[in-house]
Amino acid sequence: MRPTTGRSCIRVVLADDHALAREGTAELLERAGGISVVGQAADGHQALQLVSALRPDVLRYLAQGLGNKQIATRLSLSARTVQMHLTRIFAKLGVTSRTEAVLYAVRQGWTSPDTLSL
């Protein structure tokens, strides 16, 4: 995996139970330019773990009590992008609020109570 740098780069994680399919897809995406394959997983569960390890920042900053604009500033994103990430996180976790998302993350061990802003 060759990291592509720059703000316009699309970062992807590939998930497929066939290693050959993952490798071939990764090679095609890397050659296309503007796309960086940042991880590969053999199944959905492994992909979620990998994504959590690669980009837990939005949820971690949420757990610290930061607002969307503050999270955006720290991650060099727009507030709208942060909101899109949160919407997707809420849907994937089956929650409807920031508080529920943080509680879920704590229960799953993705963040700990000592990192929470009180």
Protein backbone atom coordinates (compact mmCIF):
# COMPACT_ATOMS: atom_id res chain seq x y z
CA MET A 1 0.00 0.00 0.00
CA ARG A 2 1.46 3.31 -1.07
CA PRO A 3 0.13 6.27 0.85
CA THR A 4 -1.05 9.12 -1.32
CA THR A 5 -0.87 12.42 0.41
CA GLY A 6 -2.86 15.56 -0.01
CA ARG A 7 -6.26 16.81 0.95
CA SER A 8 -7.91 15.64 -2.27
CA CYS A 9 -6.83 12.04 -1.73
CA ILE A 10 -9.61 9.53 -1.09
CA ARG A 11 -8.71 7.05 1.64
CA VAL A 12 -10.31 3.61 1.43
CA VAL A 13 -10.34 0.34 3.36
CA LEU A 14 -10.99 -2.77 1.26
CA ALA A 15 -12.97 -5.67 2.68
CA ASP A 16 -13.31 -9.00 0.88
CA ASP A 17 -12.80 -12.59 1.94
CA HIS A 18 -10.57 -13.22 -1.10
CA ALA A 19 -7.06 -11.83 -0.69
CA LEU A 20 -6.44 -11.89 -4.44
CA ALA A 21 -9.52 -9.75 -5.05
CA ARG A 22 -8.38 -7.26 -2.40
CA GLU A 23 -4.86 -7.06 -3.83
CA GLY A 24 -6.09 -6.62 -7.40
CA THR A 25 -8.59 -3.95 -6.41
CA ALA A 26 -5.96 -2.17 -4.32
CA GLU A 27 -3.56 -2.11 -7.25
CA LEU A 28 -6.20 -0.73 -9.63
CA LEU A 29 -7.23 1.97 -7.16
CA GLU A 30 -3.65 3.00 -6.44
CA ARG A 31 -2.87 3.25 -10.16
CA ALA A 32 -5.94 5.43 -10.73
CA GLY A 33 -4.36 8.16 -8.62
CA GLY A 34 -5.98 10.25 -5.93
CA ILE A 35 -6.97 7.12 -4.00
CA SER A 36 -5.01 5.63 -1.13
CA VAL A 37 -5.78 2.14 0.15
CA VAL A 38 -5.07 2.56 3.85
CA GLY A 39 -6.07 -0.93 4.92
CA GLN A 40 -7.41 -4.31 3.91
CA ALA A 41 -9.67 -6.69 5.81
CA ALA A 42 -10.89 -10.24 5.24
CA ASP A 43 -14.42 -9.58 6.52
CA GLY A 44 -16.77 -6.85 7.71
CA HIS A 45 -15.93 -7.27 11.39
CA GLN A 46 -12.22 -6.93 10.71
CA ALA A 47 -12.91 -3.92 8.47
CA LEU A 48 -14.81 -2.16 11.26
CA GLN A 49 -11.95 -2.82 13.67
CA LEU A 50 -9.48 -1.50 11.15
CA VAL A 51 -11.52 1.61 10.43
CA SER A 52 -11.85 2.23 14.16
CA ALA A 53 -8.08 1.93 14.51
CA LEU A 54 -7.37 4.11 11.48
CA ARG A 55 -9.88 6.89 12.07
CA PRO A 56 -11.35 6.91 15.55
CA ASP A 57 -10.75 10.64 15.80
CA VAL A 58 -14.29 11.89 15.14
CA LEU A 59 -15.79 9.61 17.78
CA ARG A 60 -12.91 10.23 20.19
CA TYR A 61 -13.27 14.02 19.89
CA LEU A 62 -17.02 13.63 20.24
CA ALA A 63 -16.39 11.75 23.49
CA GLN A 64 -14.26 14.66 24.67
CA GLY A 65 -17.24 16.97 24.27
CA LEU A 66 -16.03 18.87 21.22
CA GLY A 67 -18.49 20.41 18.79
CA ASN A 68 -18.48 19.78 15.06
CA LYS A 69 -16.50 22.94 14.26
CA GLN A 70 -13.86 22.08 16.85
CA ILE A 71 -13.58 18.52 15.54
CA ALA A 72 -13.35 19.85 11.99
CA THR A 73 -10.52 22.20 12.92
CA ARG A 74 -8.53 19.45 14.64
CA LEU A 75 -8.93 17.06 11.69
CA SER A 76 -8.55 19.67 8.93
CA LEU A 77 -12.04 18.91 7.67
CA SER A 78 -15.12 21.01 7.10
CA ALA A 79 -17.86 21.03 9.72
CA ARG A 80 -20.16 19.56 7.07
CA THR A 81 -17.80 16.59 6.58
CA VAL A 82 -17.75 16.00 10.32
CA GLN A 83 -21.56 16.05 10.34
CA MET A 84 -21.59 13.48 7.52
CA HIS A 85 -19.20 11.27 9.49
CA LEU A 86 -21.41 11.57 12.57
CA THR A 87 -24.54 10.73 10.58
CA ARG A 88 -22.83 7.60 9.24
CA ILE A 89 -21.48 6.68 12.67
CA PHE A 90 -24.95 7.03 14.21
CA ALA A 91 -26.48 4.85 11.48
CA LYS A 92 -23.80 2.15 11.79
CA LEU A 93 -24.06 2.06 15.56
CA GLY A 94 -27.87 2.21 15.59
CA VAL A 95 -27.95 5.31 17.78
CA THR A 96 -29.68 8.66 17.43
CA SER A 97 -27.61 11.04 19.54
CA ARG A 98 -24.09 12.10 20.40
CA THR A 99 -24.54 10.77 23.93
CA GLU A 100 -25.66 7.34 22.71
CA ALA A 101 -22.70 7.17 20.32
CA VAL A 102 -20.23 7.96 23.10
CA LEU A 103 -21.82 5.42 25.46
CA TYR A 104 -21.65 2.79 22.71
CA ALA A 105 -17.97 3.58 22.10
CA VAL A 106 -17.19 3.27 25.81
CA ARG A 107 -19.04 -0.05 26.06
CA GLN A 108 -17.14 -1.39 23.04
CA GLY A 109 -13.81 -0.28 24.50
CA TRP A 110 -13.14 2.19 21.66
CA THR A 111 -12.68 4.97 24.18
CA SER A 112 -12.49 4.97 27.92
CA PRO A 113 -14.32 6.97 30.59
CA ASP A 114 -11.06 8.66 31.62
CA THR A 115 -10.84 10.35 28.19
CA LEU A 116 -14.31 11.83 28.47
CA SER A 117 -14.80 15.51 29.11
CA LEU A 118 -16.76 16.03 32.30
